[in-house]
Amino acid sequence: MSSSTPKAPVIAAIASVAGMALSGYLSYLNYFTATCTRSWVTCAVNGKKILLLGVPTCVYGFFMFALSLALVGAAWQTKSKKVVDILLGVATVGVLFSASLIVYEGFWLKAFSYGFPACVYGFVFYVIIWGSAFNWRKKFTPVIPAAPATPTL
């Protein structure tokens, strides 16, 4: 890995924290208020929460962003390409998850008429994490072991 501090982990960490803040805020609204339709973003349609297996979708987002942040920290500490690959996988799942919610909420449920769906912000954060992880992954150079010394007689 390059000796200078790469920007990719910092950007991925910031996007992860921003995603946790957004999804945590929306989770709070879903669990401790009636719904999040009176927020600056929407995560409900006609006052009904968007649920997946009985849990608001923002809760899944919160835990995926938290996992992303933990993986950024682990990859930073261990300098492991394998951990960055796992981060890339989690970010890919996040991009697909939020993109499917955009299609479902925005086009199927017509949520755009109620405000800007929160899943759009989640999608942007996951794309930033994915791009950062992809860029960070390219910084790793393969380690070629040195040839064993030949004995001299």
C-alpha atoms as a PDB file:
ATOM      1  CA  MET A   1       0.000   0.000   0.000  1.00  0.00           C
ATOM      2  CA  SER A   2       1.234   3.505  -0.642  1.00  0.00           C
ATOM      3  CA  SER A   3       3.087   5.203   2.185  1.00  0.00           C
ATOM      4  CA  SER A   4       1.029   8.404   2.100  1.00  0.00           C
ATOM      5  CA  THR A   5      -2.352   8.551   3.783  1.00  0.00           C
ATOM      6  CA  PRO A   6      -4.931   7.556   1.164  1.00  0.00           C
ATOM      7  CA  LYS A   7      -8.072   9.661   0.851  1.00  0.00           C
ATOM      8  CA  ALA A   8     -10.331   6.702   0.057  1.00  0.00           C
ATOM      9  CA  PRO A   9     -10.673   5.402   3.642  1.00  0.00           C
ATOM     10  CA  VAL A  10     -11.376   8.893   4.956  1.00  0.00           C
ATOM     11  CA  ILE A  11     -14.071   9.478   2.334  1.00  0.00           C
ATOM     12  CA  ALA A  12     -15.592   6.032   2.991  1.00  0.00           C
ATOM     13  CA  ALA A  13     -15.616   6.704   6.739  1.00  0.00           C
ATOM     14  CA  ILE A  14     -17.300  10.095   6.298  1.00  0.00           C
ATOM     15  CA  ALA A  15     -19.953   8.613   3.991  1.00  0.00           C
ATOM     16  CA  SER A  16     -20.529   5.775   6.494  1.00  0.00           C
ATOM     17  CA  VAL A  17     -20.976   8.201   9.389  1.00  0.00           C
ATOM     18  CA  ALA A  18     -23.303  10.391   7.295  1.00  0.00           C
ATOM     19  CA  GLY A  19     -25.339   7.316   6.350  1.00  0.00           C
ATOM     20  CA  MET A  20     -25.515   6.218   9.982  1.00  0.00           C
ATOM     21  CA  ALA A  21     -26.672   9.692  11.010  1.00  0.00           C
ATOM     22  CA  LEU A  22     -29.407   9.780   8.367  1.00  0.00           C
ATOM     23  CA  SER A  23     -30.650   6.235   8.903  1.00  0.00           C
ATOM     24  CA  GLY A  24     -30.360   6.587  12.684  1.00  0.00           C
ATOM     25  CA  TYR A  25     -32.455   9.759  12.564  1.00  0.00           C
ATOM     26  CA  LEU A  26     -35.061   8.049  10.397  1.00  0.00           C
ATOM     27  CA  SER A  27     -35.045   4.971  12.660  1.00  0.00           C
ATOM     28  CA  TYR A  28     -35.686   7.251  15.629  1.00  0.00           C
ATOM     29  CA  LEU A  29     -38.602   8.875  13.805  1.00  0.00           C
ATOM     30  CA  ASN A  30     -40.026   5.471  12.867  1.00  0.00           C
ATOM     31  CA  TYR A  31     -39.837   4.037  16.380  1.00  0.00           C
ATOM     32  CA  PHE A  32     -40.466   7.049  18.614  1.00  0.00           C
ATOM     33  CA  THR A  33     -42.813   9.217  16.547  1.00  0.00           C
ATOM     34  CA  ALA A  34     -45.782   8.318  14.419  1.00  0.00           C
ATOM     35  CA  THR A  35     -43.841   8.365  11.139  1.00  0.00           C
ATOM     36  CA  CYS A  36     -41.249  10.367   9.273  1.00  0.00           C
ATOM     37  CA  THR A  37     -43.533  12.128   6.804  1.00  0.00           C
ATOM     38  CA  ARG A  38     -43.031  15.489   8.549  1.00  0.00           C
ATOM     39  CA  SER A  39     -39.283  15.290   8.089  1.00  0.00           C
ATOM     40  CA  TRP A  40     -37.115  16.966   5.447  1.00  0.00           C
ATOM     41  CA  VAL A  41     -36.965  13.557   3.762  1.00  0.00           C
ATOM     42  CA  THR A  42     -39.656  10.966   3.528  1.00  0.00           C
ATOM     43  CA  CYS A  43     -39.547   7.296   4.421  1.00  0.00           C
ATOM     44  CA  ALA A  44     -43.295   6.705   4.467  1.00  0.00           C
ATOM     45  CA  VAL A  45     -46.136   6.779   1.966  1.00  0.00           C
ATOM     46  CA  ASN A  46     -49.603   7.944   3.021  1.00  0.00           C
ATOM     47  CA  GLY A  47     -48.431   7.801   6.640  1.00  0.00           C
ATOM     48  CA  LYS A  48     -47.466   4.119   6.358  1.00  0.00           C
ATOM     49  CA  LYS A  49     -43.940   3.029   7.164  1.00  0.00           C
ATOM     50  CA  ILE A  50     -41.922   1.174   4.540  1.00  0.00           C
ATOM     51  CA  LEU A  51     -41.183  -2.193   6.193  1.00  0.00           C
ATOM     52  CA  LEU A  52     -39.089  -5.196   5.266  1.00  0.00           C
ATOM     53  CA  LEU A  53     -39.835  -8.290   7.351  1.00  0.00           C
ATOM     54  CA  GLY A  54     -41.673  -6.039   9.815  1.00  0.00           C
ATOM     55  CA  VAL A  55     -38.701  -3.686  10.352  1.00  0.00           C
ATOM     56  CA  PRO A  56     -38.384  -0.177   8.861  1.00  0.00           C
ATOM     57  CA  THR A  57     -35.885  -0.226   5.990  1.00  0.00           C
ATOM     58  CA  CYS A  58     -33.849   2.587   7.569  1.00  0.00           C
ATOM     59  CA  VAL A  59     -32.872   0.203  10.394  1.00  0.00           C
ATOM     60  CA  TYR A  60     -31.243  -2.132   7.869  1.00  0.00           C
ATOM     61  CA  GLY A  61     -29.470   0.892   6.393  1.00  0.00           C
ATOM     62  CA  PHE A  62     -28.180   1.921   9.814  1.00  0.00           C
ATOM     63  CA  PHE A  63     -26.610  -1.475  10.477  1.00  0.00           C
ATOM     64  CA  MET A  64     -25.114  -1.707   6.971  1.00  0.00           C
ATOM     65  CA  PHE A  65     -23.566   1.754   7.365  1.00  0.00           C
ATOM     66  CA  ALA A  66     -22.261   0.768  10.826  1.00  0.00           C
ATOM     67  CA  LEU A  67     -20.751  -2.395   9.315  1.00  0.00           C
ATOM     68  CA  SER A  68     -19.163  -0.280   6.568  1.00  0.00           C
ATOM     69  CA  LEU A  69     -17.599   2.021   9.160  1.00  0.00           C
ATOM     70  CA  ALA A  70     -16.297  -0.953  11.156  1.00  0.00           C
ATOM     71  CA  LEU A  71     -14.785  -2.449   7.987  1.00  0.00           C
ATOM     72  CA  VAL A  72     -13.115   0.860   7.101  1.00  0.00           C
ATOM     73  CA  GLY A  73     -11.542   0.894  10.568  1.00  0.00           C
ATOM     74  CA  ALA A  74     -10.481  -2.749  10.334  1.00  0.00           C
ATOM     75  CA  ALA A  75      -8.993  -2.301   6.871  1.00  0.00           C
ATOM     76  CA  TRP A  76      -7.167   0.830   8.012  1.00  0.00           C
ATOM     77  CA  GLN A  77      -5.693  -0.970  11.027  1.00  0.00           C
ATOM     78  CA  THR A  78      -4.779  -4.226   9.313  1.00  0.00           C
ATOM     79  CA  LYS A  79      -3.877  -2.821   5.878  1.00  0.00           C
ATOM     80  CA  SER A  80      -5.688  -5.882   4.537  1.00  0.00           C
ATOM     81  CA  LYS A  81      -6.892  -6.037   0.955  1.00  0.00           C
ATOM     82  CA  LYS A  82      -9.269  -8.817   2.002  1.00  0.00           C
ATOM     83  CA  VAL A  83     -11.084  -6.494   4.433  1.00  0.00           C
ATOM     84  CA  VAL A  84     -11.319  -3.840   1.706  1.00  0.00           C
ATOM     85  CA  ASP A  85     -12.818  -6.512  -0.571  1.00  0.00           C
ATOM     86  CA  ILE A  86     -15.427  -7.275   2.115  1.00  0.00           C
ATOM     87  CA  LEU A  87     -16.149  -3.529   2.388  1.00  0.00           C
ATOM     88  CA  LEU A  88     -16.603  -3.437  -1.379  1.00  0.00           C
ATOM     89  CA  GLY A  89     -19.082  -6.323  -1.087  1.00  0.00           C
ATOM     90  CA  VAL A  90     -21.070  -4.613   1.686  1.00  0.00           C
ATOM     91  CA  ALA A  91     -21.139  -1.385  -0.332  1.00  0.00           C
ATOM     92  CA  THR A  92     -22.373  -3.321  -3.372  1.00  0.00           C
ATOM     93  CA  VAL A  93     -25.208  -4.790  -1.296  1.00  0.00           C
ATOM     94  CA  GLY A  94     -25.984  -1.280  -0.005  1.00  0.00           C
ATOM     95  CA  VAL A  95     -26.107   0.162  -3.533  1.00  0.00           C
ATOM     96  CA  LEU A  96     -28.430  -2.619  -4.697  1.00  0.00           C
ATOM     97  CA  PHE A  97     -30.598  -2.386  -1.552  1.00  0.00           C
ATOM     98  CA  SER A  98     -31.072   1.370  -1.797  1.00  0.00           C
ATOM     99  CA  ALA A  99     -31.539   1.268  -5.590  1.00  0.00           C
ATOM    100  CA  SER A 100     -34.296  -1.313  -5.194  1.00  0.00           C
ATOM    101  CA  LEU A 101     -35.934   0.910  -2.565  1.00  0.00           C
ATOM    102  CA  ILE A 102     -35.767   3.877  -4.933  1.00  0.00           C
ATOM    103  CA  VAL A 103     -37.592   1.845  -7.576  1.00  0.00           C
ATOM    104  CA  TYR A 104     -40.110   0.448  -5.087  1.00  0.00           C
ATOM    105  CA  GLU A 105     -40.813   3.655  -3.164  1.00  0.00           C
ATOM    106  CA  GLY A 106     -40.359   6.139  -5.972  1.00  0.00           C
ATOM    107  CA  PHE A 107     -41.988   4.451  -8.894  1.00  0.00           C
ATOM    108  CA  TRP A 108     -44.215   1.743  -7.423  1.00  0.00           C
ATOM    109  CA  LEU A 109     -45.556   3.620  -4.378  1.00  0.00           C
ATOM    110  CA  LYS A 110     -45.144   7.090  -5.959  1.00  0.00           C
ATOM    111  CA  ALA A 111     -43.213   8.362  -2.914  1.00  0.00           C
ATOM    112  CA  PHE A 112     -41.673  11.225  -4.907  1.00  0.00           C
ATOM    113  CA  SER A 113     -45.005  13.023  -4.659  1.00  0.00           C
ATOM    114  CA  TYR A 114     -44.644  13.038  -0.823  1.00  0.00           C
ATOM    115  CA  GLY A 115     -41.130  14.438  -0.728  1.00  0.00           C
ATOM    116  CA  PHE A 116     -37.630  13.276  -1.499  1.00  0.00           C
ATOM    117  CA  PRO A 117     -37.254   9.594  -0.469  1.00  0.00           C
ATOM    118  CA  ALA A 118     -34.491   8.930   2.042  1.00  0.00           C
ATOM    119  CA  CYS A 119     -33.304   5.931   0.043  1.00  0.00           C
ATOM    120  CA  VAL A 120     -31.928   8.336  -2.576  1.00  0.00           C
ATOM    121  CA  TYR A 121     -29.541   9.782   0.014  1.00  0.00           C
ATOM    122  CA  GLY A 122     -28.636   6.267   1.149  1.00  0.00           C
ATOM    123  CA  PHE A 123     -27.903   5.348  -2.453  1.00  0.00           C
ATOM    124  CA  VAL A 124     -25.553   8.332  -2.823  1.00  0.00           C
ATOM    125  CA  PHE A 125     -23.725   7.439   0.408  1.00  0.00           C
ATOM    126  CA  TYR A 126     -23.331   3.795  -0.671  1.00  0.00           C
ATOM    127  CA  VAL A 127     -22.055   4.815  -4.113  1.00  0.00           C
ATOM    128  CA  ILE A 128     -19.450   7.015  -2.400  1.00  0.00           C
ATOM    129  CA  ILE A 129     -18.428   4.124  -0.120  1.00  0.00           C
ATOM    130  CA  TRP A 130     -18.308   1.747  -3.094  1.00  0.00           C
ATOM    131  CA  GLY A 131     -16.182   4.137  -5.165  1.00  0.00           C
ATOM    132  CA  SER A 132     -13.850   4.780  -2.245  1.00  0.00           C
ATOM    133  CA  ALA A 133     -13.458   1.056  -1.539  1.00  0.00           C
ATOM    134  CA  PHE A 134     -12.827   0.364  -5.227  1.00  0.00           C
ATOM    135  CA  ASN A 135     -10.196   3.115  -5.360  1.00  0.00           C
ATOM    136  CA  TRP A 136      -8.644   1.963  -2.079  1.00  0.00           C
ATOM    137  CA  ARG A 137      -8.463  -1.602  -3.372  1.00  0.00           C
ATOM    138  CA  LYS A 138      -6.357  -0.458  -6.325  1.00  0.00           C
ATOM    139  CA  LYS A 139      -3.776   0.998  -3.919  1.00  0.00           C
ATOM    140  CA  PHE A 140      -2.687  -2.453  -2.810  1.00  0.00           C
ATOM    141  CA  THR A 141       0.258  -3.854  -4.705  1.00  0.00           C
ATOM    142  CA  PRO A 142       0.900  -7.558  -4.754  1.00  0.00           C
ATOM    143  CA  VAL A 143       3.771  -8.647  -2.569  1.00  0.00           C
ATOM    144  CA  ILE A 144       6.210 -10.801  -4.488  1.00  0.00           C
ATOM    145  CA  PRO A 145       8.296 -12.914  -2.169  1.00  0.00           C
ATOM    146  CA  ALA A 146      12.018 -12.732  -2.628  1.00  0.00           C
ATOM    147  CA  ALA A 147      13.672 -15.735  -4.200  1.00  0.00           C
ATOM    148  CA  PRO A 148      15.392 -17.954  -1.670  1.00  0.00           C
ATOM    149  CA  ALA A 149      19.127 -17.538  -1.485  1.00  0.00           C
ATOM    150  CA  THR A 150      21.095 -20.243  -3.191  1.00  0.00           C
ATOM    151  CA  PRO A 151      23.666 -21.894  -1.035  1.00  0.00           C
ATOM    152  CA  THR A 152      27.268 -21.408  -2.094  1.00  0.00           C
ATOM    153  CA  LEU A 153      29.713 -24.248  -1.880  1.00  0.00           C
END
